[in-house]
Amino acid sequence: MGRQKRGRDISGIFLLDKEPGVTSNQALQAVKRIFGAKKAGHTGSLDPLATGVLPLCFGESTKVSQYLLDSDKSYRASIMLGQTTETGDSDGPVIETVSDFNITEKDIISALKQFEGTIDQTPPMYSALKVGGTPLYRLARKGIVVEREPRQVAIHDIKLTRCDLVSREIEIIVSCSKGTYIRSIAEDLGGTLGCGGHITALRRLKAGKFEESNCLTFYQLCEILERKGLSGAEECLLPTDSAIIHFPKIKLPTEAVRWILNGHAVNANELPETGLLRMYDENTFIGIGFVDSDGKLAPKRMMQSVHKPMD
């Protein structure tokens, strides 16, 4: 018999503004302890150096974490040109410095344009991507370098927002698809310019529909807990369907709800030809459905507890 998990059956999404110097999992565990949650998960790792939007899912909300993981992201990154580091960021030792620096702002803007659109990107060795079940960063720490297959990612927009050629530091804002490594962009940009480069600061501005203005830091959550208690902290949790608010919404009659909850596809009015939908019993979010090959609404991911809807 499996070991029973300890904790409370609490569901919801907490939007954390991650601080620098901690891993995404450390941040998750700290917030999980505050809520005393039995089940929790984050929606895509941020580097220890990075800050910003890190949605944390608790309880039933972990069922929608994959959709946040698959969502587009936006970042603001500071890049030091003229230096290459072992890790691609300022946490690693400098392995090469270029003293002859004759790069102009025009050169940088031109180089950045090469990253727009769908590109092939090789994941960095210092990443959580696994090879044979082992995270690449663990191999990298042992001095082991393995072949990594380039992966297609989409750079929707990349802009130069600050350029200081004296300090050799620039700032860019990137809107991109899932799986994009901003450190790789910094390294590849440095390679294109012939001077090397690495990340000195990185902030996630947006994950899916969630923006940095929606987030709270761990210390802000602790202050709320101290002033208002656990019930006050729980008011900071967003409902599960907030993560998939971009899916079309469909309200189902009582009989259809009963069939859906028992795993059966049902006929429904005004269904799209394809795609995922948010399903509701009156105003209660009950799960995610999809249109099957027969044109019926079928269950894909169902909730086991009641959630207040977003709209």
Foldseek 3Di string as FASTA:
>chain_A
DDDDFWFDQDWFKAWAFEDAQDKPVVQQVLVCVLLRARDKDWQDIDPNQATETIIITTHLLVLCSPLLLFFKWKKKFKKAWQWAFLQLEPVGHTDGGHPDDDDDPVNLVVLVVVQAFKDWFFDTLCDQDDDPRHGSNVCVVVVHDDDTGTDIWHWHDKDWDAADVVRRMTMMMTIIGRPDDVSRVQQVSNVSSVRGMGTHYMYIQDGHPDGRVLHDHPVRLVVQCVVPNSVSSSVSGHWSCVSVVVFAEDEDEPVCVVQQVVFDWAADPPDDPWDKYFYHDVQWTFAIWIQDPVRTTTGDRTGDDTTGDPD
